[in-house]
Amino acid sequence: MPQTQGRREHTGLTAVANLLWVVLSLAVVVSGALSPTGVGAVWIVLQSLTVGGFAALQYVGLQRM
């Protein structure tokens, strides 16, 4: 089914993009590249954990397709 394959590829690309977001977000906090405030650093970490959760759910969904 070509339609299912397209959805699978799109979901895979989205999951990879989300993982990239997580890695880069944590790199910003660790390196201090953007000099976030304490609250900003916490926000970035919490946001990256949330996006990482989405990536994990997308991976699980891919396994079930």
PDB file of N, CA and C in Angstrom:
ATOM      1  N   MET A   1       0.840  -1.190   0.000  1.00  0.00           N
ATOM      2  CA  MET A   1       0.000   0.000   0.000  1.00  0.00           C
ATOM      3  C   MET A   1       0.881   1.247   0.000  1.00  0.00           C
ATOM      4  N   PRO A   2       0.915   1.965  -1.086  1.00  0.00           N
ATOM      5  CA  PRO A   2       1.776   3.152  -1.174  1.00  0.00           C
ATOM      6  C   PRO A   2       1.419   4.226  -0.162  1.00  0.00           C
ATOM      7  N   GLN A   3       0.138   4.363   0.151  1.00  0.00           N
ATOM      8  CA  GLN A   3      -0.269   5.411   1.088  1.00  0.00           C
ATOM      9  C   GLN A   3       0.307   5.141   2.480  1.00  0.00           C
ATOM     10  N   THR A   4       0.285   3.886   2.913  1.00  0.00           N
ATOM     11  CA  THR A   4       0.848   3.535   4.214  1.00  0.00           C
ATOM     12  C   THR A   4       2.349   3.776   4.229  1.00  0.00           C
ATOM     13  N   GLN A   5       3.026   3.452   3.128  1.00  0.00           N
ATOM     14  CA  GLN A   5       4.473   3.670   3.050  1.00  0.00           C
ATOM     15  C   GLN A   5       4.799   5.157   3.173  1.00  0.00           C
ATOM     16  N   GLY A   6       4.012   6.009   2.528  1.00  0.00           N
ATOM     17  CA  GLY A   6       4.227   7.450   2.625  1.00  0.00           C
ATOM     18  C   GLY A   6       4.050   7.958   4.036  1.00  0.00           C
ATOM     19  N   ARG A   7       3.043   7.465   4.708  1.00  0.00           N
ATOM     20  CA  ARG A   7       2.816   7.864   6.103  1.00  0.00           C
ATOM     21  C   ARG A   7       3.963   7.400   6.987  1.00  0.00           C
ATOM     22  N   ARG A   8       4.429   6.203   6.726  1.00  0.00           N
ATOM     23  CA  ARG A   8       5.540   5.649   7.510  1.00  0.00           C
ATOM     24  C   ARG A   8       6.794   6.498   7.331  1.00  0.00           C
ATOM     25  N   GLU A   9       7.099   6.856   6.095  1.00  0.00           N
ATOM     26  CA  GLU A   9       8.276   7.687   5.836  1.00  0.00           C
ATOM     27  C   GLU A   9       8.141   9.054   6.491  1.00  0.00           C
ATOM     28  N   HIS A  10       6.955   9.645   6.385  1.00  0.00           N
ATOM     29  CA  HIS A  10       6.721  10.967   6.989  1.00  0.00           C
ATOM     30  C   HIS A  10       6.881  10.888   8.508  1.00  0.00           C
ATOM     31  N   THR A  11       6.316   9.858   9.112  1.00  0.00           N
ATOM     32  CA  THR A  11       6.433   9.702  10.562  1.00  0.00           C
ATOM     33  C   THR A  11       7.877   9.476  10.970  1.00  0.00           C
ATOM     34  N   GLY A  12       8.616   8.720  10.163  1.00  0.00           N
ATOM     35  CA  GLY A  12      10.026   8.487  10.462  1.00  0.00           C
ATOM     36  C   GLY A  12      10.837   9.765  10.387  1.00  0.00           C
ATOM     37  N   LEU A  13      10.573  10.570   9.367  1.00  0.00           N
ATOM     38  CA  LEU A  13      11.284  11.846   9.243  1.00  0.00           C
ATOM     39  C   LEU A  13      10.939  12.786  10.391  1.00  0.00           C
ATOM     40  N   THR A  14       9.689  12.774  10.792  1.00  0.00           N
ATOM     41  CA  THR A  14       9.268  13.618  11.916  1.00  0.00           C
ATOM     42  C   THR A  14       9.944  13.173  13.207  1.00  0.00           C
ATOM     43  N   ALA A  15      10.030  11.873  13.419  1.00  0.00           N
ATOM     44  CA  ALA A  15      10.689  11.357  14.621  1.00  0.00           C
ATOM     45  C   ALA A  15      12.171  11.750  14.637  1.00  0.00           C
ATOM     46  N   VAL A  16      12.834  11.654  13.494  1.00  0.00           N
ATOM     47  CA  VAL A  16      14.251  12.036  13.407  1.00  0.00           C
ATOM     48  C   VAL A  16      14.411  13.533  13.669  1.00  0.00           C
ATOM     49  N   ALA A  17      13.514  14.338  13.104  1.00  0.00           N
ATOM     50  CA  ALA A  17      13.573  15.785  13.338  1.00  0.00           C
ATOM     51  C   ALA A  17      13.366  16.099  14.816  1.00  0.00           C
ATOM     52  N   ASN A  18      12.464  15.384  15.458  1.00  0.00           N
ATOM     53  CA  ASN A  18      12.238  15.596  16.890  1.00  0.00           C
ATOM     54  C   ASN A  18      13.470  15.219  17.705  1.00  0.00           C
ATOM     55  N   LEU A  19      14.116  14.123  17.346  1.00  0.00           N
ATOM     56  CA  LEU A  19      15.336  13.739  18.058  1.00  0.00           C
ATOM     57  C   LEU A  19      16.443  14.774  17.856  1.00  0.00           C
ATOM     58  N   LEU A  20      16.538  15.301  16.654  1.00  0.00           N
ATOM     59  CA  LEU A  20      17.516  16.353  16.386  1.00  0.00           C
ATOM     60  C   LEU A  20      17.225  17.584  17.244  1.00  0.00           C
ATOM     61  N   TRP A  21      15.940  17.919  17.377  1.00  0.00           N
ATOM     62  CA  TRP A  21      15.523  19.047  18.224  1.00  0.00           C
ATOM     63  C   TRP A  21      15.992  18.824  19.659  1.00  0.00           C
ATOM     64  N   VAL A  22      15.810  17.615  20.160  1.00  0.00           N
ATOM     65  CA  VAL A  22      16.209  17.295  21.537  1.00  0.00           C
ATOM     66  C   VAL A  22      17.712  17.469  21.709  1.00  0.00           C
ATOM     67  N   VAL A  23      18.478  16.898  20.802  1.00  0.00           N
ATOM     68  CA  VAL A  23      19.942  16.965  20.902  1.00  0.00           C
ATOM     69  C   VAL A  23      20.422  18.415  20.847  1.00  0.00           C
ATOM     70  N   LEU A  24      19.905  19.172  19.887  1.00  0.00           N
ATOM     71  CA  LEU A  24      20.350  20.563  19.762  1.00  0.00           C
ATOM     72  C   LEU A  24      19.896  21.421  20.938  1.00  0.00           C
ATOM     73  N   SER A  25      18.703  21.168  21.449  1.00  0.00           N
ATOM     74  CA  SER A  25      18.227  21.929  22.607  1.00  0.00           C
ATOM     75  C   SER A  25      19.116  21.688  23.823  1.00  0.00           C
ATOM     76  N   LEU A  26      19.443  20.420  24.061  1.00  0.00           N
ATOM     77  CA  LEU A  26      20.303  20.110  25.202  1.00  0.00           C
ATOM     78  C   LEU A  26      21.718  20.642  24.988  1.00  0.00           C
ATOM     79  N   ALA A  27      22.177  20.650  23.742  1.00  0.00           N
ATOM     80  CA  ALA A  27      23.501  21.209  23.442  1.00  0.00           C
ATOM     81  C   ALA A  27      23.538  22.699  23.750  1.00  0.00           C
ATOM     82  N   VAL A  28      22.439  23.399  23.471  1.00  0.00           N
ATOM     83  CA  VAL A  28      22.369  24.831  23.775  1.00  0.00           C
ATOM     84  C   VAL A  28      22.475  25.064  25.275  1.00  0.00           C
ATOM     85  N   VAL A  29      21.783  24.236  26.051  1.00  0.00           N
ATOM     86  CA  VAL A  29      21.814  24.413  27.512  1.00  0.00           C
ATOM     87  C   VAL A  29      23.202  24.090  28.056  1.00  0.00           C
ATOM     88  N   VAL A  30      23.767  22.971  27.621  1.00  0.00           N
ATOM     89  CA  VAL A  30      25.067  22.539  28.146  1.00  0.00           C
ATOM     90  C   VAL A  30      26.171  23.517  27.754  1.00  0.00           C
ATOM     91  N   SER A  31      26.143  23.972  26.511  1.00  0.00           N
ATOM     92  CA  SER A  31      27.211  24.855  26.044  1.00  0.00           C
ATOM     93  C   SER A  31      27.021  26.303  26.490  1.00  0.00           C
ATOM     94  N   GLY A  32      25.791  26.676  26.830  1.00  0.00           N
ATOM     95  CA  GLY A  32      25.511  28.060  27.197  1.00  0.00           C
ATOM     96  C   GLY A  32      25.610  28.996  26.006  1.00  0.00           C
ATOM     97  N   ALA A  33      25.452  28.440  24.798  1.00  0.00           N
ATOM     98  CA  ALA A  33      25.630  29.218  23.566  1.00  0.00           C
ATOM     99  C   ALA A  33      24.708  30.427  23.503  1.00  0.00           C
ATOM    100  N   LEU A  34      23.500  30.284  23.959  1.00  0.00           N
ATOM    101  CA  LEU A  34      22.550  31.396  23.904  1.00  0.00           C
ATOM    102  C   LEU A  34      22.399  32.093  25.254  1.00  0.00           C
ATOM    103  N   SER A  35      23.161  31.671  26.229  1.00  0.00           N
ATOM    104  CA  SER A  35      23.131  32.245  27.584  1.00  0.00           C
ATOM    105  C   SER A  35      21.713  32.363  28.140  1.00  0.00           C
ATOM    106  N   PRO A  36      20.971  31.229  28.214  1.00  0.00           N
ATOM    107  CA  PRO A  36      19.625  31.317  28.776  1.00  0.00           C
ATOM    108  C   PRO A  36      19.679  31.582  30.283  1.00  0.00           C
ATOM    109  N   THR A  37      18.652  32.214  30.784  1.00  0.00           N
ATOM    110  CA  THR A  37      18.543  32.394  32.230  1.00  0.00           C
ATOM    111  C   THR A  37      18.291  31.026  32.861  1.00  0.00           C
ATOM    112  N   GLY A  38      18.264  30.982  34.181  1.00  0.00           N
ATOM    113  CA  GLY A  38      17.982  29.724  34.869  1.00  0.00           C
ATOM    114  C   GLY A  38      16.625  29.170  34.485  1.00  0.00           C
ATOM    115  N   VAL A  39      15.624  30.047  34.470  1.00  0.00           N
ATOM    116  CA  VAL A  39      14.274  29.629  34.082  1.00  0.00           C
ATOM    117  C   VAL A  39      14.263  29.187  32.615  1.00  0.00           C
ATOM    118  N   GLY A  40      14.984  29.910  31.773  1.00  0.00           N
ATOM    119  CA  GLY A  40      15.062  29.552  30.359  1.00  0.00           C
ATOM    120  C   GLY A  40      15.707  28.193  30.157  1.00  0.00           C
ATOM    121  N   ALA A  41      16.757  27.910  30.917  1.00  0.00           N
ATOM    122  CA  ALA A  41      17.436  26.619  30.808  1.00  0.00           C
ATOM    123  C   ALA A  41      16.510  25.485  31.231  1.00  0.00           C
ATOM    124  N   VAL A  42      15.775  25.698  32.313  1.00  0.00           N
ATOM    125  CA  VAL A  42      14.806  24.682  32.763  1.00  0.00           C
ATOM    126  C   VAL A  42      13.737  24.478  31.701  1.00  0.00           C
ATOM    127  N   TRP A  43      13.240  25.571  31.126  1.00  0.00           N
ATOM    128  CA  TRP A  43      12.220  25.479  30.088  1.00  0.00           C
ATOM    129  C   TRP A  43      12.733  24.684  28.882  1.00  0.00           C
ATOM    130  N   ILE A  44      13.968  24.950  28.468  1.00  0.00           N
ATOM    131  CA  ILE A  44      14.537  24.247  27.323  1.00  0.00           C
ATOM    132  C   ILE A  44      14.642  22.756  27.612  1.00  0.00           C
ATOM    133  N   VAL A  45      15.087  22.400  28.808  1.00  0.00           N
ATOM    134  CA  VAL A  45      15.214  20.989  29.171  1.00  0.00           C
ATOM    135  C   VAL A  45      13.839  20.325  29.202  1.00  0.00           C
ATOM    136  N   LEU A  46      12.849  20.976  29.825  1.00  0.00           N
ATOM    137  CA  LEU A  46      11.502  20.392  29.879  1.00  0.00           C
ATOM    138  C   LEU A  46      10.900  20.248  28.485  1.00  0.00           C
ATOM    139  N   GLN A  47      11.121  21.245  27.650  1.00  0.00           N
ATOM    140  CA  GLN A  47      10.608  21.180  26.284  1.00  0.00           C
ATOM    141  C   GLN A  47      11.283  20.040  25.514  1.00  0.00           C
ATOM    142  N   SER A  48      12.582  19.876  25.692  1.00  0.00           N
ATOM    143  CA  SER A  48      13.272  18.806  24.970  1.00  0.00           C
ATOM    144  C   SER A  48      12.820  17.429  25.466  1.00  0.00           C
ATOM    145  N   LEU A  49      12.525  17.300  26.750  1.00  0.00           N
ATOM    146  CA  LEU A  49      12.002  16.033  27.256  1.00  0.00           C
ATOM    147  C   LEU A  49      10.624  15.729  26.663  1.00  0.00           C
ATOM    148  N   THR A  50       9.805  16.753  26.522  1.00  0.00           N
ATOM    149  CA  THR A  50       8.485  16.576  25.921  1.00  0.00           C
ATOM    150  C   THR A  50       8.614  16.152  24.460  1.00  0.00           C
ATOM    151  N   VAL A  51       9.457  16.832  23.718  1.00  0.00           N
ATOM    152  CA  VAL A  51       9.661  16.494  22.309  1.00  0.00           C
ATOM    153  C   VAL A  51      10.272  15.093  22.190  1.00  0.00           C
ATOM    154  N   GLY A  52      11.158  14.746  23.099  1.00  0.00           N
ATOM    155  CA  GLY A  52      11.719  13.392  23.116  1.00  0.00           C
ATOM    156  C   GLY A  52      10.648  12.343  23.360  1.00  0.00           C
ATOM    157  N   GLY A  53       9.676  12.679  24.207  1.00  0.00           N
ATOM    158  CA  GLY A  53       8.544  11.774  24.428  1.00  0.00           C
ATOM    159  C   GLY A  53       7.728  11.583  23.164  1.00  0.00           C
ATOM    160  N   PHE A  54       7.520  12.666  22.436  1.00  0.00           N
ATOM    161  CA  PHE A  54       6.808  12.555  21.156  1.00  0.00           C
ATOM    162  C   PHE A  54       7.581  11.663  20.189  1.00  0.00           C
ATOM    163  N   ALA A  55       8.896  11.827  20.138  1.00  0.00           N
ATOM    164  CA  ALA A  55       9.718  11.008  19.240  1.00  0.00           C
ATOM    165  C   ALA A  55       9.611   9.529  19.623  1.00  0.00           C
ATOM    166  N   ALA A  56       9.600   9.253  20.914  1.00  0.00           N
ATOM    167  CA  ALA A  56       9.467   7.862  21.362  1.00  0.00           C
ATOM    168  C   ALA A  56       8.112   7.286  20.954  1.00  0.00           C
ATOM    169  N   LEU A  57       7.062   8.070  21.101  1.00  0.00           N
ATOM    170  CA  LEU A  57       5.734   7.610  20.692  1.00  0.00           C
ATOM    171  C   LEU A  57       5.667   7.390  19.180  1.00  0.00           C
ATOM    172  N   GLN A  58       6.323   8.260  18.425  1.00  0.00           N
ATOM    173  CA  GLN A  58       6.350   8.082  16.979  1.00  0.00           C
ATOM    174  C   GLN A  58       7.103   6.812  16.607  1.00  0.00           C
ATOM    175  N   TYR A  59       8.171   6.528  17.309  1.00  0.00           N
ATOM    176  CA  TYR A  59       8.921   5.292  17.054  1.00  0.00           C
ATOM    177  C   TYR A  59       8.055   4.071  17.333  1.00  0.00           C
ATOM    178  N   VAL A  60       7.353   4.094  18.448  1.00  0.00           N
ATOM    179  CA  VAL A  60       6.454   2.984  18.781  1.00  0.00           C
ATOM    180  C   VAL A  60       5.387   2.827  17.700  1.00  0.00           C
ATOM    181  N   GLY A  61       4.844   3.948  17.243  1.00  0.00           N
ATOM    182  CA  GLY A  61       3.848   3.901  16.189  1.00  0.00           C
ATOM    183  C   GLY A  61       4.403   3.312  14.901  1.00  0.00           C
ATOM    184  N   LEU A  62       5.639   3.637  14.586  1.00  0.00           N
ATOM    185  CA  LEU A  62       6.278   3.078  13.388  1.00  0.00           C
ATOM    186  C   LEU A  62       6.432   1.565  13.494  1.00  0.00           C
ATOM    187  N   GLN A  63       6.723   1.088  14.677  1.00  0.00           N
ATOM    188  CA  GLN A  63       6.888  -0.357  14.875  1.00  0.00           C
ATOM    189  C   GLN A  63       5.564  -1.089  14.681  1.00  0.00           C
ATOM    190  N   ARG A  64       4.478  -0.402  14.957  1.00  0.00           N
ATOM    191  CA  ARG A  64       3.152  -1.026  14.839  1.00  0.00           C
ATOM    192  C   ARG A  64       2.582  -0.940  13.434  1.00  0.00           C
ATOM    193  N   MET A  65       3.168  -0.123  12.568  1.00  0.00           N
ATOM    194  CA  MET A  65       2.646   0.032  11.205  1.00  0.00           C
ATOM    195  C   MET A  65       3.058  -1.141  10.348  1.00  0.00           C
TER     196      MET A  65
END
